[in-house]
C-alpha atoms as a PDB file:
ATOM      1  CA  UNK A   1      12.418  23.989 -15.130  1.00  0.00           C
ATOM      2  CA  UNK A   2       8.973  23.082 -16.405  1.00  0.00           C
ATOM      3  CA  UNK A   3       6.404  25.884 -16.417  1.00  0.00           C
ATOM      4  CA  UNK A   4       3.932  24.252 -14.043  1.00  0.00           C
ATOM      5  CA  UNK A   5       0.390  25.574 -13.823  1.00  0.00           C
ATOM      6  CA  UNK A   6      -1.505  26.584 -10.705  1.00  0.00           C
ATOM      7  CA  UNK A   7      -4.968  25.072 -10.360  1.00  0.00           C
ATOM      8  CA  UNK A   8      -7.837  26.743  -8.445  1.00  0.00           C
ATOM      9  CA  UNK A   9      -8.287  24.691  -5.252  1.00  0.00           C
ATOM     10  CA  UNK A  10     -12.043  25.325  -5.183  1.00  0.00           C
ATOM     11  CA  UNK A  11     -12.309  23.185  -8.325  1.00  0.00           C
ATOM     12  CA  UNK A  12     -10.616  20.243  -6.604  1.00  0.00           C
ATOM     13  CA  UNK A  13     -12.441  19.816  -3.320  1.00  0.00           C
ATOM     14  CA  UNK A  14     -12.204  16.053  -3.889  1.00  0.00           C
ATOM     15  CA  UNK A  15      -8.554  16.478  -2.870  1.00  0.00           C
ATOM     16  CA  UNK A  16      -9.344  18.217   0.421  1.00  0.00           C
ATOM     17  CA  UNK A  17      -8.851  14.942   2.305  1.00  0.00           C
ATOM     18  CA  UNK A  18      -5.184  14.937   1.221  1.00  0.00           C
ATOM     19  CA  UNK A  19      -4.797  18.487   2.518  1.00  0.00           C
ATOM     20  CA  UNK A  20      -6.348  17.415   5.835  1.00  0.00           C
ATOM     21  CA  UNK A  21      -3.954  14.477   6.232  1.00  0.00           C
ATOM     22  CA  UNK A  22      -0.915  16.674   5.601  1.00  0.00           C
ATOM     23  CA  UNK A  23      -2.130  19.233   8.138  1.00  0.00           C
ATOM     24  CA  UNK A  24      -2.639  16.455  10.687  1.00  0.00           C
ATOM     25  CA  UNK A  25       1.026  15.451  10.537  1.00  0.00           C
ATOM     26  CA  UNK A  26       2.500  18.947  10.075  1.00  0.00           C
ATOM     27  CA  UNK A  27       2.984  21.670  12.724  1.00  0.00           C
ATOM     28  CA  UNK A  28       1.319  24.882  11.600  1.00  0.00           C
ATOM     29  CA  UNK A  29       4.582  26.785  11.164  1.00  0.00           C
ATOM     30  CA  UNK A  30       5.522  24.410   8.352  1.00  0.00           C
ATOM     31  CA  UNK A  31       2.313  24.637   6.336  1.00  0.00           C
ATOM     32  CA  UNK A  32       3.662  25.813   3.009  1.00  0.00           C
ATOM     33  CA  UNK A  33       6.929  23.849   3.444  1.00  0.00           C
ATOM     34  CA  UNK A  34       5.380  20.391   3.025  1.00  0.00           C
ATOM     35  CA  UNK A  35       3.768  18.837  -0.036  1.00  0.00           C
ATOM     36  CA  UNK A  36       2.234  15.641  -1.332  1.00  0.00           C
ATOM     37  CA  UNK A  37       3.496  14.880  -4.820  1.00  0.00           C
ATOM     38  CA  UNK A  38       3.634  12.022  -7.266  1.00  0.00           C
ATOM     39  CA  UNK A  39       1.614   9.156  -8.619  1.00  0.00           C
ATOM     40  CA  UNK A  40      -1.129   9.091  -5.962  1.00  0.00           C
ATOM     41  CA  UNK A  41      -3.007  11.835  -7.796  1.00  0.00           C
ATOM     42  CA  UNK A  42      -3.695   9.605 -10.791  1.00  0.00           C
ATOM     43  CA  UNK A  43      -5.821   7.518  -8.418  1.00  0.00           C
ATOM     44  CA  UNK A  44      -7.106  10.362  -6.230  1.00  0.00           C
ATOM     45  CA  UNK A  45      -8.650  12.113  -9.241  1.00  0.00           C
ATOM     46  CA  UNK A  46     -10.317   8.988 -10.592  1.00  0.00           C
ATOM     47  CA  UNK A  47     -10.969   6.535  -7.756  1.00  0.00           C
ATOM     48  CA  UNK A  48     -10.044   7.539  -4.215  1.00  0.00           C
ATOM     49  CA  UNK A  49     -10.403   3.938  -3.036  1.00  0.00           C
ATOM     50  CA  UNK A  50      -7.264   3.118  -5.044  1.00  0.00           C
ATOM     51  CA  UNK A  51      -5.085   5.538  -3.032  1.00  0.00           C
ATOM     52  CA  UNK A  52      -3.014   3.388  -0.706  1.00  0.00           C
ATOM     53  CA  UNK A  53      -0.096   5.724  -0.010  1.00  0.00           C
ATOM     54  CA  UNK A  54       0.893   9.385  -0.211  1.00  0.00           C
ATOM     55  CA  UNK A  55       4.437  10.566  -0.835  1.00  0.00           C
ATOM     56  CA  UNK A  56       5.323  13.571   1.320  1.00  0.00           C
ATOM     57  CA  UNK A  57       8.177  15.929   0.410  1.00  0.00           C
ATOM     58  CA  UNK A  58       9.719  18.969   2.078  1.00  0.00           C
ATOM     59  CA  UNK A  59      11.312  22.301   1.393  1.00  0.00           C
ATOM     60  CA  UNK A  60      14.201  21.508   3.727  1.00  0.00           C
ATOM     61  CA  UNK A  61      15.563  19.146   6.376  1.00  0.00           C
ATOM     62  CA  UNK A  62      14.072  21.201   9.211  1.00  0.00           C
ATOM     63  CA  UNK A  63      10.551  20.682   7.868  1.00  0.00           C
ATOM     64  CA  UNK A  64      11.181  16.927   7.525  1.00  0.00           C
ATOM     65  CA  UNK A  65      12.453  16.635  11.106  1.00  0.00           C
ATOM     66  CA  UNK A  66       9.497  18.616  12.466  1.00  0.00           C
ATOM     67  CA  UNK A  67       6.947  16.467  10.624  1.00  0.00           C
ATOM     68  CA  UNK A  68       8.496  13.168  11.754  1.00  0.00           C
ATOM     69  CA  UNK A  69       8.399  14.369  15.360  1.00  0.00           C
ATOM     70  CA  UNK A  70       4.870  15.783  15.064  1.00  0.00           C
ATOM     71  CA  UNK A  71       3.479  12.759  13.200  1.00  0.00           C
ATOM     72  CA  UNK A  72       4.878  10.401  15.818  1.00  0.00           C
ATOM     73  CA  UNK A  73       2.920  12.320  18.454  1.00  0.00           C
ATOM     74  CA  UNK A  74      -0.268  12.613  16.392  1.00  0.00           C
ATOM     75  CA  UNK A  75      -0.632   9.213  14.696  1.00  0.00           C
ATOM     76  CA  UNK A  76       1.915   6.953  16.410  1.00  0.00           C
ATOM     77  CA  UNK A  77       5.310   5.426  15.889  1.00  0.00           C
ATOM     78  CA  UNK A  78       6.619   4.996  12.324  1.00  0.00           C
ATOM     79  CA  UNK A  79       5.898   1.681  10.631  1.00  0.00           C
ATOM     80  CA  UNK A  80       9.402   1.799   9.125  1.00  0.00           C
ATOM     81  CA  UNK A  81      12.511   3.993   9.079  1.00  0.00           C
ATOM     82  CA  UNK A  82      15.355   3.880   6.544  1.00  0.00           C
ATOM     83  CA  UNK A  83      17.928   6.241   5.070  1.00  0.00           C
ATOM     84  CA  UNK A  84      15.520   7.423   2.383  1.00  0.00           C
ATOM     85  CA  UNK A  85      12.163   7.806   4.077  1.00  0.00           C
ATOM     86  CA  UNK A  86      10.054   7.250   7.186  1.00  0.00           C
ATOM     87  CA  UNK A  87       6.678   5.555   6.962  1.00  0.00           C
ATOM     88  CA  UNK A  88       3.499   6.233   8.912  1.00  0.00           C
ATOM     89  CA  UNK A  89      -0.029   4.855   8.596  1.00  0.00           C
ATOM     90  CA  UNK A  90      -3.200   6.846   9.248  1.00  0.00           C
ATOM     91  CA  UNK A  91      -6.261   5.502  11.041  1.00  0.00           C
ATOM     92  CA  UNK A  92      -7.870   5.215   7.614  1.00  0.00           C
ATOM     93  CA  UNK A  93      -5.106   2.901   6.451  1.00  0.00           C
ATOM     94  CA  UNK A  94      -3.306   5.322   4.118  1.00  0.00           C
ATOM     95  CA  UNK A  95       0.467   4.940   4.250  1.00  0.00           C
ATOM     96  CA  UNK A  96       2.558   8.103   4.320  1.00  0.00           C
ATOM     97  CA  UNK A  97       6.045   7.847   2.830  1.00  0.00           C
ATOM     98  CA  UNK A  98       7.873  10.815   4.379  1.00  0.00           C
ATOM     99  CA  UNK A  99      10.872  11.435   2.121  1.00  0.00           C
ATOM    100  CA  UNK A 100      14.266  12.833   3.140  1.00  0.00           C
ATOM    101  CA  UNK A 101      16.464  12.187   0.084  1.00  0.00           C
ATOM    102  CA  UNK A 102      15.383  15.245  -1.881  1.00  0.00           C
ATOM    103  CA  UNK A 103      14.320  18.692  -0.698  1.00  0.00           C
ATOM    104  CA  UNK A 104      13.092  21.730  -2.591  1.00  0.00           C
ATOM    105  CA  UNK A 105      10.122  23.714  -3.825  1.00  0.00           C
ATOM    106  CA  UNK A 106       7.183  21.854  -5.385  1.00  0.00           C
ATOM    107  CA  UNK A 107       8.502  22.771  -8.833  1.00  0.00           C
ATOM    108  CA  UNK A 108      11.965  21.422  -8.031  1.00  0.00           C
ATOM    109  CA  UNK A 109      10.541  18.205  -6.624  1.00  0.00           C
ATOM    110  CA  UNK A 110       8.301  17.609  -9.640  1.00  0.00           C
ATOM    111  CA  UNK A 111      11.176  18.250 -12.033  1.00  0.00           C
ATOM    112  CA  UNK A 112      12.929  15.208 -10.546  1.00  0.00           C
ATOM    113  CA  UNK A 113      10.035  12.876 -11.490  1.00  0.00           C
ATOM    114  CA  UNK A 114      10.060  10.903 -14.708  1.00  0.00           C
ATOM    115  CA  UNK A 115       6.484  10.710 -16.060  1.00  0.00           C
ATOM    116  CA  UNK A 116       4.241  13.751 -16.571  1.00  0.00           C
ATOM    117  CA  UNK A 117       1.312  11.882 -14.963  1.00  0.00           C
ATOM    118  CA  UNK A 118       3.250  11.947 -11.680  1.00  0.00           C
ATOM    119  CA  UNK A 119       3.913  15.687 -11.853  1.00  0.00           C
ATOM    120  CA  UNK A 120       1.261  17.082  -9.542  1.00  0.00           C
ATOM    121  CA  UNK A 121       1.765  18.490  -6.040  1.00  0.00           C
ATOM    122  CA  UNK A 122      -0.497  19.756  -3.245  1.00  0.00           C
ATOM    123  CA  UNK A 123       0.803  22.102  -0.552  1.00  0.00           C
ATOM    124  CA  UNK A 124      -1.294  23.196   2.476  1.00  0.00           C
ATOM    125  CA  UNK A 125      -1.219  26.970   2.865  1.00  0.00           C
ATOM    126  CA  UNK A 126      -1.283  28.907   6.137  1.00  0.00           C
ATOM    127  CA  UNK A 127      -4.796  29.836   7.237  1.00  0.00           C
ATOM    128  CA  UNK A 128      -6.028  33.280   6.194  1.00  0.00           C
ATOM    129  CA  UNK A 129      -6.966  35.965   8.695  1.00  0.00           C
ATOM    130  CA  UNK A 130     -10.559  34.721   8.708  1.00  0.00           C
ATOM    131  CA  UNK A 131      -9.335  31.204   9.529  1.00  0.00           C
ATOM    132  CA  UNK A 132      -9.988  29.715   6.092  1.00  0.00           C
ATOM    133  CA  UNK A 133      -7.660  26.877   5.132  1.00  0.00           C
ATOM    134  CA  UNK A 134      -6.786  26.230   1.521  1.00  0.00           C
ATOM    135  CA  UNK A 135      -4.023  24.647  -0.496  1.00  0.00           C
ATOM    136  CA  UNK A 136      -1.852  25.255  -3.514  1.00  0.00           C
ATOM    137  CA  UNK A 137      -2.192  22.712  -6.318  1.00  0.00           C
ATOM    138  CA  UNK A 138       0.194  22.647  -9.279  1.00  0.00           C
ATOM    139  CA  UNK A 139       0.709  20.233 -12.129  1.00  0.00           C
ATOM    140  CA  UNK A 140       2.461  19.714 -15.425  1.00  0.00           C
ATOM    141  CA  UNK A 141       0.622  21.608 -18.200  1.00  0.00           C
ATOM    142  CA  UNK A 142      -0.161  18.305 -19.951  1.00  0.00           C
ATOM    143  CA  UNK A 143      -0.990  16.343 -16.800  1.00  0.00           C
ATOM    144  CA  UNK A 144      -4.719  15.993 -17.436  1.00  0.00           C
ATOM    145  CA  UNK A 145      -4.342  15.272 -21.143  1.00  0.00           C
ATOM    146  CA  UNK A 146      -1.832  12.491 -20.483  1.00  0.00           C
ATOM    147  CA  UNK A 147      -3.882  11.153 -17.560  1.00  0.00           C
ATOM    148  CA  UNK A 148      -7.008  10.989 -19.718  1.00  0.00           C
ATOM    149  CA  UNK A 149      -5.113   9.322 -22.573  1.00  0.00           C
ATOM    150  CA  UNK A 150      -3.258   7.036 -20.131  1.00  0.00           C
ATOM    151  CA  UNK A 151      -0.038   8.056 -21.815  1.00  0.00           C
ATOM    152  CA  UNK A 152       3.397   7.848 -20.186  1.00  0.00           C
ATOM    153  CA  UNK A 153       5.457  10.813 -21.329  1.00  0.00           C
ATOM    154  CA  UNK A 154       9.082  11.570 -20.417  1.00  0.00           C
ATOM    155  CA  UNK A 155      10.209  15.116 -21.125  1.00  0.00           C
ATOM    156  CA  UNK A 156      13.646  15.118 -19.532  1.00  0.00           C
ATOM    157  CA  UNK A 157      16.926  13.924 -21.046  1.00  0.00           C
ATOM    158  CA  UNK A 158      18.423  13.575 -17.586  1.00  0.00           C
ATOM    159  CA  UNK A 159      16.467  10.868 -15.762  1.00  0.00           C
ATOM    160  CA  UNK A 160      17.976  10.177 -12.322  1.00  0.00           C
ATOM    161  CA  UNK A 161      17.312   6.419 -12.589  1.00  0.00           C
ATOM    162  CA  UNK A 162      16.474   5.444 -16.196  1.00  0.00           C
ATOM    163  CA  UNK A 163      16.790   1.711 -15.500  1.00  0.00           C
ATOM    164  CA  UNK A 164      14.206   2.069 -12.735  1.00  0.00           C
ATOM    165  CA  UNK A 165      12.009   4.172 -15.055  1.00  0.00           C
ATOM    166  CA  UNK A 166      12.103   1.298 -17.551  1.00  0.00           C
ATOM    167  CA  UNK A 167      10.931  -1.074 -14.815  1.00  0.00           C
ATOM    168  CA  UNK A 168       8.252   1.342 -13.568  1.00  0.00           C
ATOM    169  CA  UNK A 169       6.769   1.622 -17.057  1.00  0.00           C
ATOM    170  CA  UNK A 170       5.719  -2.033 -16.725  1.00  0.00           C
ATOM    171  CA  UNK A 171       3.996  -1.297 -13.423  1.00  0.00           C
ATOM    172  CA  UNK A 172       2.040   1.528 -15.042  1.00  0.00           C
ATOM    173  CA  UNK A 173       1.141  -0.768 -17.894  1.00  0.00           C
ATOM    174  CA  UNK A 174      -0.941  -2.781 -15.429  1.00  0.00           C
ATOM    175  CA  UNK A 175      -3.093   0.342 -14.991  1.00  0.00           C
ATOM    176  CA  UNK A 176      -3.476   0.705 -18.754  1.00  0.00           C
ATOM    177  CA  UNK A 177      -0.779   3.342 -19.279  1.00  0.00           C
ATOM    178  CA  UNK A 178       1.463   3.097 -22.326  1.00  0.00           C
ATOM    179  CA  UNK A 179       4.649   5.000 -23.178  1.00  0.00           C
ATOM    180  CA  UNK A 180       4.518   7.238 -26.223  1.00  0.00           C
ATOM    181  CA  UNK A 181       7.032   6.674 -29.039  1.00  0.00           C
ATOM    182  CA  UNK A 182       9.078   9.815 -28.377  1.00  0.00           C
ATOM    183  CA  UNK A 183       9.422   8.850 -24.718  1.00  0.00           C
ATOM    184  CA  UNK A 184      10.511   5.326 -25.605  1.00  0.00           C
ATOM    185  CA  UNK A 185      13.245   6.784 -27.803  1.00  0.00           C
ATOM    186  CA  UNK A 186      14.295   9.221 -25.067  1.00  0.00           C
ATOM    187  CA  UNK A 187      14.469   6.424 -22.518  1.00  0.00           C
ATOM    188  CA  UNK A 188      16.394   4.098 -24.841  1.00  0.00           C
ATOM    189  CA  UNK A 189      18.987   6.789 -25.527  1.00  0.00           C
ATOM    190  CA  UNK A 190      19.563   7.262 -21.803  1.00  0.00           C
ATOM    191  CA  UNK A 191      19.735   3.520 -21.195  1.00  0.00           C
ATOM    192  CA  UNK A 192      22.284   3.213 -24.014  1.00  0.00           C
ATOM    193  CA  UNK A 193      24.688   5.370 -22.010  1.00  0.00           C
ATOM    194  CA  UNK A 194      24.894   2.684 -19.310  1.00  0.00           C
ATOM    195  CA  UNK A 195      27.628   0.078 -19.223  1.00  0.00           C
ATOM    196  CA  UNK A 196      26.307  -3.513 -19.155  1.00  0.00           C
ATOM    197  CA  UNK A 197      27.845  -3.949 -15.713  1.00  0.00           C
ATOM    198  CA  UNK A 198      25.561  -1.181 -14.379  1.00  0.00           C
ATOM    199  CA  UNK A 199      22.413  -3.063 -15.342  1.00  0.00           C
ATOM    200  CA  UNK A 200      21.294  -5.271 -12.476  1.00  0.00           C
ATOM    201  CA  UNK A 201      18.313  -6.276 -10.393  1.00  0.00           C
ATOM    202  CA  UNK A 202      19.301  -3.604  -7.869  1.00  0.00           C
ATOM    203  CA  UNK A 203      19.345  -0.948 -10.602  1.00  0.00           C
ATOM    204  CA  UNK A 204      15.766  -1.844 -11.516  1.00  0.00           C
ATOM    205  CA  UNK A 205      14.597  -0.853  -8.029  1.00  0.00           C
ATOM    206  CA  UNK A 206      16.671   2.317  -7.591  1.00  0.00           C
ATOM    207  CA  UNK A 207      14.635   5.411  -6.834  1.00  0.00           C
ATOM    208  CA  UNK A 208      14.654   8.791  -5.164  1.00  0.00           C
ATOM    209  CA  UNK A 209      13.103   7.025  -2.175  1.00  0.00           C
ATOM    210  CA  UNK A 210      11.917   3.547  -1.340  1.00  0.00           C
ATOM    211  CA  UNK A 211       8.236   4.345  -1.793  1.00  0.00           C
ATOM    212  CA  UNK A 212       8.520   5.908  -5.249  1.00  0.00           C
ATOM    213  CA  UNK A 213       5.722   4.765  -7.538  1.00  0.00           C
END
């Protein structure tokens, strides 16, 4: 497992709005069991107006079920439901992709992602005795360096969907991100293990969940 770093939340008050959205859709007993993780942070830390969706993950199935029920009461019926995730939309127009195909701690969830610039997670924490609300924020140790350099880096030799990662690299290219040489080699080696029959249009869109960016 990657040795993720904890960031002081007071230095990232520009992310408080994400914490507030998660609390809105999460019953208090599950604060600490729910997290936002993934590619949205690359926009949230540079230009909030670019954030169109948040990917919400859970420690376990019970937390997922509680949030779907709570969110339906708080912000309305889902805009979609499938076997991988349930979608909601806030009054501000932000889509929430509520994921049920993978559960775990923030570190376990981030370890399943391909690019280091997607490896950041925010988890609302239970309020302190004085009522103060805060959040836990963790990221890959090279997250900010790679974000600043707009570099796509793959550090795992066990990508869950390498064909999809290949396709996603083109999407990131539209934002100015380029894959480093070592990562291209790592990806090519994993793609080489695939039989030609496994390479298809469907394989290009495979992901941990339908909203994966």
